[in-house]
Amino acid sequence: MAGKVLKVALTGGIASGKSLVSDLLAIHGCHIIDLDVISREVVLPGTEGLNELVESFGDSILLSDGSLDRKNLRDVLYKKGRNRAKIEQILHPKILQKMKSSMEIFKEGVMVVVIPLLVEKELWGPFDRAIVVDCDVDTQINRLTARENIDNAKAQTMLLAQASREQRVQLGDHLPTDIIDNNSKISDLKDSIESLSQKLFALV
């Protein structure tokens, strides 16, 4: 694969530590594309994505400056399944198109694409390998309640809207997959990512 791109999908449950892992991989020279970042870009003021959301859900999803009230939208999204389906119908094609365009720019080395819903949406097609960031459910809930300032019940609802840990681990049936454990100390995680990055670059 000399002079080629190794395309790696990085996924994991909410609050599992995907951003931290991608930041560490970036330090080791991986090129990062993050769908969480892209998902914010496609709903900036003036975008087709934001306009379509307002058409569907009204001005109540906007802040006073005209930008999207993401907390409000999240509450709408998790309240009713059909709302979630409508939001995904509007935004996911735009997010995936922007992901595809971003991937085409990069021509050499290790490219890591952070895709929270990789398993749920079966988006592994364009990739050579996958990384699953894994941690136990109690750790996820603790991180989520602290980060989002929500109660345990809301955190559990958010977890239930995603694939289970077991389903993510089965990603190995579709792609060569590395599992990164993120239950322990940051120093252990750093060591794991250093070893993983060496392995990935050796595959290019």
C-alpha atoms as a PDB file:
ATOM      1  CA  MET A   1       0.000   0.000   0.000  1.00  0.00           C
ATOM      2  CA  ALA A   2       2.965   2.341  -0.466  1.00  0.00           C
ATOM      3  CA  GLY A   3       1.831   5.858  -1.273  1.00  0.00           C
ATOM      4  CA  LYS A   4      -1.757   4.956  -0.514  1.00  0.00           C
ATOM      5  CA  VAL A   5      -4.286   5.831   2.159  1.00  0.00           C
ATOM      6  CA  LEU A   6      -5.281   3.464   4.945  1.00  0.00           C
ATOM      7  CA  LYS A   7      -8.917   4.350   5.651  1.00  0.00           C
ATOM      8  CA  VAL A   8      -9.841   3.666   9.264  1.00  0.00           C
ATOM      9  CA  ALA A   9     -13.286   4.138  10.813  1.00  0.00           C
ATOM     10  CA  LEU A  10     -13.288   5.033  14.516  1.00  0.00           C
ATOM     11  CA  THR A  11     -16.453   4.446  16.511  1.00  0.00           C
ATOM     12  CA  GLY A  12     -17.738   3.877  20.026  1.00  0.00           C
ATOM     13  CA  GLY A  13     -20.688   4.675  22.228  1.00  0.00           C
ATOM     14  CA  ILE A  14     -21.530   8.150  23.428  1.00  0.00           C
ATOM     15  CA  ALA A  15     -19.050   9.343  26.100  1.00  0.00           C
ATOM     16  CA  SER A  16     -16.736   6.384  25.424  1.00  0.00           C
ATOM     17  CA  GLY A  17     -13.823   8.701  24.611  1.00  0.00           C
ATOM     18  CA  LYS A  18     -13.798   8.821  20.799  1.00  0.00           C
ATOM     19  CA  SER A  19     -12.628  12.447  20.694  1.00  0.00           C
ATOM     20  CA  LEU A  20      -9.776  11.776  23.084  1.00  0.00           C
ATOM     21  CA  VAL A  21      -8.658   8.756  21.077  1.00  0.00           C
ATOM     22  CA  SER A  22      -8.830  10.695  17.789  1.00  0.00           C
ATOM     23  CA  ASP A  23      -6.851  13.581  19.351  1.00  0.00           C
ATOM     24  CA  LEU A  24      -4.144  11.122  20.440  1.00  0.00           C
ATOM     25  CA  LEU A  25      -4.073   9.514  16.979  1.00  0.00           C
ATOM     26  CA  ALA A  26      -3.693  12.986  15.448  1.00  0.00           C
ATOM     27  CA  ILE A  27      -0.635  13.584  17.659  1.00  0.00           C
ATOM     28  CA  HIS A  28       0.882  10.454  16.107  1.00  0.00           C
ATOM     29  CA  GLY A  29       0.324  11.749  12.577  1.00  0.00           C
ATOM     30  CA  CYS A  30      -3.080  10.384  11.598  1.00  0.00           C
ATOM     31  CA  HIS A  31      -5.338  12.618   9.518  1.00  0.00           C
ATOM     32  CA  ILE A  32      -8.675  13.000  11.350  1.00  0.00           C
ATOM     33  CA  ILE A  33     -12.138  13.575   9.889  1.00  0.00           C
ATOM     34  CA  ASP A  34     -14.789  13.851  12.599  1.00  0.00           C
ATOM     35  CA  LEU A  35     -18.467  13.424  11.744  1.00  0.00           C
ATOM     36  CA  ASP A  36     -19.447  15.217  14.966  1.00  0.00           C
ATOM     37  CA  VAL A  37     -17.654  18.285  13.578  1.00  0.00           C
ATOM     38  CA  ILE A  38     -19.255  17.829  10.159  1.00  0.00           C
ATOM     39  CA  SER A  39     -22.692  17.426  11.772  1.00  0.00           C
ATOM     40  CA  ARG A  40     -22.291  20.884  13.314  1.00  0.00           C
ATOM     41  CA  GLU A  41     -21.113  22.380  10.010  1.00  0.00           C
ATOM     42  CA  VAL A  42     -24.181  21.201   8.065  1.00  0.00           C
ATOM     43  CA  VAL A  43     -26.526  23.089  10.439  1.00  0.00           C
ATOM     44  CA  LEU A  44     -24.709  26.436  10.568  1.00  0.00           C
ATOM     45  CA  PRO A  45     -26.888  29.523   9.915  1.00  0.00           C
ATOM     46  CA  GLY A  46     -27.709  29.827   6.227  1.00  0.00           C
ATOM     47  CA  THR A  47     -27.178  26.142   5.439  1.00  0.00           C
ATOM     48  CA  GLU A  48     -29.709  23.969   3.686  1.00  0.00           C
ATOM     49  CA  GLY A  49     -29.592  21.620   6.670  1.00  0.00           C
ATOM     50  CA  LEU A  50     -30.678  24.269   9.177  1.00  0.00           C
ATOM     51  CA  ASN A  51     -33.332  25.652   6.841  1.00  0.00           C
ATOM     52  CA  GLU A  52     -34.876  22.189   6.400  1.00  0.00           C
ATOM     53  CA  LEU A  53     -34.878  21.568  10.156  1.00  0.00           C
ATOM     54  CA  VAL A  54     -36.694  24.859  10.766  1.00  0.00           C
ATOM     55  CA  GLU A  55     -39.245  23.964   8.072  1.00  0.00           C
ATOM     56  CA  SER A  56     -39.922  20.677   9.883  1.00  0.00           C
ATOM     57  CA  PHE A  57     -39.748  21.729  13.538  1.00  0.00           C
ATOM     58  CA  GLY A  58     -40.273  25.502  13.616  1.00  0.00           C
ATOM     59  CA  ASP A  59     -38.279  28.447  14.957  1.00  0.00           C
ATOM     60  CA  SER A  60     -38.292  27.065  18.504  1.00  0.00           C
ATOM     61  CA  ILE A  61     -35.164  25.043  17.646  1.00  0.00           C
ATOM     62  CA  LEU A  62     -33.220  28.306  17.074  1.00  0.00           C
ATOM     63  CA  LEU A  63     -31.319  30.433  19.558  1.00  0.00           C
ATOM     64  CA  SER A  64     -31.784  34.215  19.585  1.00  0.00           C
ATOM     65  CA  ASP A  65     -28.813  34.659  17.220  1.00  0.00           C
ATOM     66  CA  GLY A  66     -30.398  32.380  14.611  1.00  0.00           C
ATOM     67  CA  SER A  67     -28.107  29.416  15.252  1.00  0.00           C
ATOM     68  CA  LEU A  68     -29.364  25.934  16.110  1.00  0.00           C
ATOM     69  CA  ASP A  69     -30.253  25.231  19.742  1.00  0.00           C
ATOM     70  CA  ARG A  70     -28.601  21.815  19.836  1.00  0.00           C
ATOM     71  CA  LYS A  71     -29.890  20.992  23.318  1.00  0.00           C
ATOM     72  CA  ASN A  72     -33.459  21.731  22.234  1.00  0.00           C
ATOM     73  CA  LEU A  73     -33.042  19.604  19.137  1.00  0.00           C
ATOM     74  CA  ARG A  74     -31.572  16.760  21.196  1.00  0.00           C
ATOM     75  CA  ASP A  75     -34.592  16.893  23.488  1.00  0.00           C
ATOM     76  CA  VAL A  76     -36.895  16.800  20.455  1.00  0.00           C
ATOM     77  CA  LEU A  77     -34.851  14.001  18.927  1.00  0.00           C
ATOM     78  CA  TYR A  78     -34.966  11.679  21.930  1.00  0.00           C
ATOM     79  CA  LYS A  79     -38.601  12.400  22.784  1.00  0.00           C
ATOM     80  CA  LYS A  80     -40.131  10.701  19.760  1.00  0.00           C
ATOM     81  CA  GLY A  81     -38.706   8.122  17.391  1.00  0.00           C
ATOM     82  CA  ARG A  82     -40.337   9.708  14.360  1.00  0.00           C
ATOM     83  CA  ASN A  83     -38.616  13.011  15.150  1.00  0.00           C
ATOM     84  CA  ARG A  84     -35.272  11.240  15.240  1.00  0.00           C
ATOM     85  CA  ALA A  85     -36.031   9.597  11.902  1.00  0.00           C
ATOM     86  CA  LYS A  86     -36.970  12.953  10.341  1.00  0.00           C
ATOM     87  CA  ILE A  87     -33.825  14.676  11.634  1.00  0.00           C
ATOM     88  CA  GLU A  88     -31.669  11.825  10.329  1.00  0.00           C
ATOM     89  CA  GLN A  89     -33.452  11.930   6.959  1.00  0.00           C
ATOM     90  CA  ILE A  90     -32.593  15.633   6.651  1.00  0.00           C
ATOM     91  CA  LEU A  91     -29.028  15.614   7.966  1.00  0.00           C
ATOM     92  CA  HIS A  92     -27.414  12.238   7.339  1.00  0.00           C
ATOM     93  CA  PRO A  93     -27.163  12.513   3.523  1.00  0.00           C
ATOM     94  CA  LYS A  94     -25.529  15.937   3.905  1.00  0.00           C
ATOM     95  CA  ILE A  95     -23.110  14.659   6.553  1.00  0.00           C
ATOM     96  CA  LEU A  96     -22.130  11.621   4.479  1.00  0.00           C
ATOM     97  CA  GLN A  97     -21.612  13.694   1.327  1.00  0.00           C
ATOM     98  CA  LYS A  98     -19.308  16.054   3.210  1.00  0.00           C
ATOM     99  CA  MET A  99     -17.463  13.055   4.698  1.00  0.00           C
ATOM    100  CA  LYS A 100     -16.954  11.609   1.207  1.00  0.00           C
ATOM    101  CA  SER A 101     -15.625  14.937  -0.117  1.00  0.00           C
ATOM    102  CA  SER A 102     -13.241  15.261   2.841  1.00  0.00           C
ATOM    103  CA  MET A 103     -11.957  11.706   2.362  1.00  0.00           C
ATOM    104  CA  GLU A 104     -11.232  12.313  -1.326  1.00  0.00           C
ATOM    105  CA  ILE A 105      -8.886  15.208  -0.516  1.00  0.00           C
ATOM    106  CA  PHE A 106      -6.489  13.054   1.499  1.00  0.00           C
ATOM    107  CA  LYS A 107      -4.061  11.070  -0.675  1.00  0.00           C
ATOM    108  CA  GLU A 108      -1.494   9.399   1.563  1.00  0.00           C
ATOM    109  CA  GLY A 109      -0.970   7.996   5.061  1.00  0.00           C
ATOM    110  CA  VAL A 110      -3.467   6.982   7.743  1.00  0.00           C
ATOM    111  CA  MET A 111      -6.896   8.604   7.640  1.00  0.00           C
ATOM    112  CA  VAL A 112      -9.148   8.111  10.664  1.00  0.00           C
ATOM    113  CA  VAL A 113     -12.825   8.980  10.272  1.00  0.00           C
ATOM    114  CA  VAL A 114     -14.744   9.326  13.538  1.00  0.00           C
ATOM    115  CA  ILE A 115     -18.239   7.894  12.932  1.00  0.00           C
ATOM    116  CA  PRO A 116     -20.417   7.524  16.047  1.00  0.00           C
ATOM    117  CA  LEU A 117     -23.175   5.667  14.137  1.00  0.00           C
ATOM    118  CA  LEU A 118     -20.874   3.409  12.087  1.00  0.00           C
ATOM    119  CA  VAL A 119     -22.534   0.216  13.347  1.00  0.00           C
ATOM    120  CA  GLU A 120     -26.100   1.512  13.574  1.00  0.00           C
ATOM    121  CA  LYS A 121     -26.069   2.749   9.956  1.00  0.00           C
ATOM    122  CA  GLU A 122     -23.749   0.020   8.584  1.00  0.00           C
ATOM    123  CA  LEU A 123     -21.357   2.619   7.152  1.00  0.00           C
ATOM    124  CA  TRP A 124     -18.237   0.429   7.037  1.00  0.00           C
ATOM    125  CA  GLY A 125     -18.203   0.078   3.234  1.00  0.00           C
ATOM    126  CA  PRO A 126     -15.511   2.714   2.372  1.00  0.00           C
ATOM    127  CA  PHE A 127     -13.055   1.577   5.056  1.00  0.00           C
ATOM    128  CA  ASP A 128     -10.083  -0.791   5.318  1.00  0.00           C
ATOM    129  CA  ARG A 129     -10.165  -1.178   9.093  1.00  0.00           C
ATOM    130  CA  ALA A 130     -12.042  -0.052  12.197  1.00  0.00           C
ATOM    131  CA  ILE A 131     -11.259   1.047  15.754  1.00  0.00           C
ATOM    132  CA  VAL A 132     -13.853   0.581  18.500  1.00  0.00           C
ATOM    133  CA  VAL A 133     -13.397   2.679  21.646  1.00  0.00           C
ATOM    134  CA  ASP A 134     -14.918   0.603  24.413  1.00  0.00           C
ATOM    135  CA  CYS A 135     -15.787   1.261  28.054  1.00  0.00           C
ATOM    136  CA  ASP A 136     -18.314  -0.145  30.490  1.00  0.00           C
ATOM    137  CA  VAL A 137     -21.827   1.290  30.648  1.00  0.00           C
ATOM    138  CA  ASP A 138     -21.449   2.721  34.165  1.00  0.00           C
ATOM    139  CA  THR A 139     -18.420   4.713  33.001  1.00  0.00           C
ATOM    140  CA  GLN A 140     -20.382   6.033  30.001  1.00  0.00           C
ATOM    141  CA  ILE A 141     -23.310   7.106  32.195  1.00  0.00           C
ATOM    142  CA  ASN A 142     -21.033   8.833  34.715  1.00  0.00           C
ATOM    143  CA  ARG A 143     -19.218  10.736  31.966  1.00  0.00           C
ATOM    144  CA  LEU A 144     -22.455  11.617  30.199  1.00  0.00           C
ATOM    145  CA  THR A 145     -24.272  12.951  33.276  1.00  0.00           C
ATOM    146  CA  ALA A 146     -21.239  15.077  34.168  1.00  0.00           C
ATOM    147  CA  ARG A 147     -20.623  16.334  30.620  1.00  0.00           C
ATOM    148  CA  GLU A 148     -24.212  17.072  29.608  1.00  0.00           C
ATOM    149  CA  ASN A 149     -25.570  17.965  33.064  1.00  0.00           C
ATOM    150  CA  ILE A 150     -28.399  15.421  32.732  1.00  0.00           C
ATOM    151  CA  ASP A 151     -29.811  12.780  35.062  1.00  0.00           C
ATOM    152  CA  ASN A 152     -29.184   9.024  34.903  1.00  0.00           C
ATOM    153  CA  ALA A 153     -32.513   8.278  33.227  1.00  0.00           C
ATOM    154  CA  LYS A 154     -31.792  10.680  30.343  1.00  0.00           C
ATOM    155  CA  ALA A 155     -28.274   9.267  29.982  1.00  0.00           C
ATOM    156  CA  GLN A 156     -29.631   5.722  29.816  1.00  0.00           C
ATOM    157  CA  THR A 157     -32.173   6.777  27.187  1.00  0.00           C
ATOM    158  CA  MET A 158     -29.354   8.233  25.074  1.00  0.00           C
ATOM    159  CA  LEU A 159     -27.373   4.997  25.413  1.00  0.00           C
ATOM    160  CA  LEU A 160     -30.365   2.870  24.429  1.00  0.00           C
ATOM    161  CA  ALA A 161     -30.723   4.864  21.181  1.00  0.00           C
ATOM    162  CA  GLN A 162     -27.323   3.506  20.090  1.00  0.00           C
ATOM    163  CA  ALA A 163     -25.878   0.110  19.273  1.00  0.00           C
ATOM    164  CA  SER A 164     -24.831  -2.031  22.241  1.00  0.00           C
ATOM    165  CA  ARG A 165     -21.204  -2.745  23.169  1.00  0.00           C
ATOM    166  CA  GLU A 166     -21.695  -6.300  21.907  1.00  0.00           C
ATOM    167  CA  GLN A 167     -22.947  -5.074  18.517  1.00  0.00           C
ATOM    168  CA  ARG A 168     -19.913  -2.797  18.132  1.00  0.00           C
ATOM    169  CA  VAL A 169     -17.488  -5.582  18.951  1.00  0.00           C
ATOM    170  CA  GLN A 170     -19.143  -7.659  16.193  1.00  0.00           C
ATOM    171  CA  LEU A 171     -17.923  -5.024  13.726  1.00  0.00           C
ATOM    172  CA  GLY A 172     -14.968  -7.394  13.396  1.00  0.00           C
ATOM    173  CA  ASP A 173     -17.210  -9.588  11.218  1.00  0.00           C
ATOM    174  CA  HIS A 174     -17.076  -6.831   8.560  1.00  0.00           C
ATOM    175  CA  LEU A 175     -13.660  -5.172   8.977  1.00  0.00           C
ATOM    176  CA  PRO A 176     -10.356  -5.941  10.728  1.00  0.00           C
ATOM    177  CA  THR A 177     -11.045  -4.204  14.052  1.00  0.00           C
ATOM    178  CA  ASP A 178      -8.916  -2.975  16.939  1.00  0.00           C
ATOM    179  CA  ILE A 179     -10.659  -2.601  20.313  1.00  0.00           C
ATOM    180  CA  ILE A 180      -9.341   0.224  22.513  1.00  0.00           C
ATOM    181  CA  ASP A 181     -10.270  -0.074  26.182  1.00  0.00           C
ATOM    182  CA  ASN A 182     -10.941   3.304  27.790  1.00  0.00           C
ATOM    183  CA  ASN A 183     -11.932   2.327  31.327  1.00  0.00           C
ATOM    184  CA  SER A 184      -8.598   2.946  32.980  1.00  0.00           C
ATOM    185  CA  LYS A 185      -5.971   5.668  33.319  1.00  0.00           C
ATOM    186  CA  ILE A 186      -5.116   8.183  30.602  1.00  0.00           C
ATOM    187  CA  SER A 187      -1.512   6.956  30.663  1.00  0.00           C
ATOM    188  CA  ASP A 188      -2.689   3.446  29.727  1.00  0.00           C
ATOM    189  CA  LEU A 189      -4.793   4.868  26.922  1.00  0.00           C
ATOM    190  CA  LYS A 190      -1.843   6.860  25.600  1.00  0.00           C
ATOM    191  CA  ASP A 191       0.288   3.707  25.531  1.00  0.00           C
ATOM    192  CA  SER A 192      -2.455   1.814  23.683  1.00  0.00           C
ATOM    193  CA  ILE A 193      -2.812   4.562  21.069  1.00  0.00           C
ATOM    194  CA  GLU A 194       0.940   4.780  20.516  1.00  0.00           C
ATOM    195  CA  SER A 195       1.068   1.026  19.811  1.00  0.00           C
ATOM    196  CA  LEU A 196      -2.021   1.212  17.594  1.00  0.00           C
ATOM    197  CA  SER A 197      -0.674   4.119  15.541  1.00  0.00           C
ATOM    198  CA  GLN A 198       2.583   2.244  14.917  1.00  0.00           C
ATOM    199  CA  LYS A 199       0.545  -0.751  13.729  1.00  0.00           C
ATOM    200  CA  LEU A 200      -1.598   1.402  11.407  1.00  0.00           C
ATOM    201  CA  PHE A 201       1.332   3.208   9.784  1.00  0.00           C
ATOM    202  CA  ALA A 202       3.061  -0.131   9.225  1.00  0.00           C
ATOM    203  CA  LEU A 203       0.030  -1.147   7.127  1.00  0.00           C
ATOM    204  CA  VAL A 204       0.288   1.810   4.726  1.00  0.00           C
END
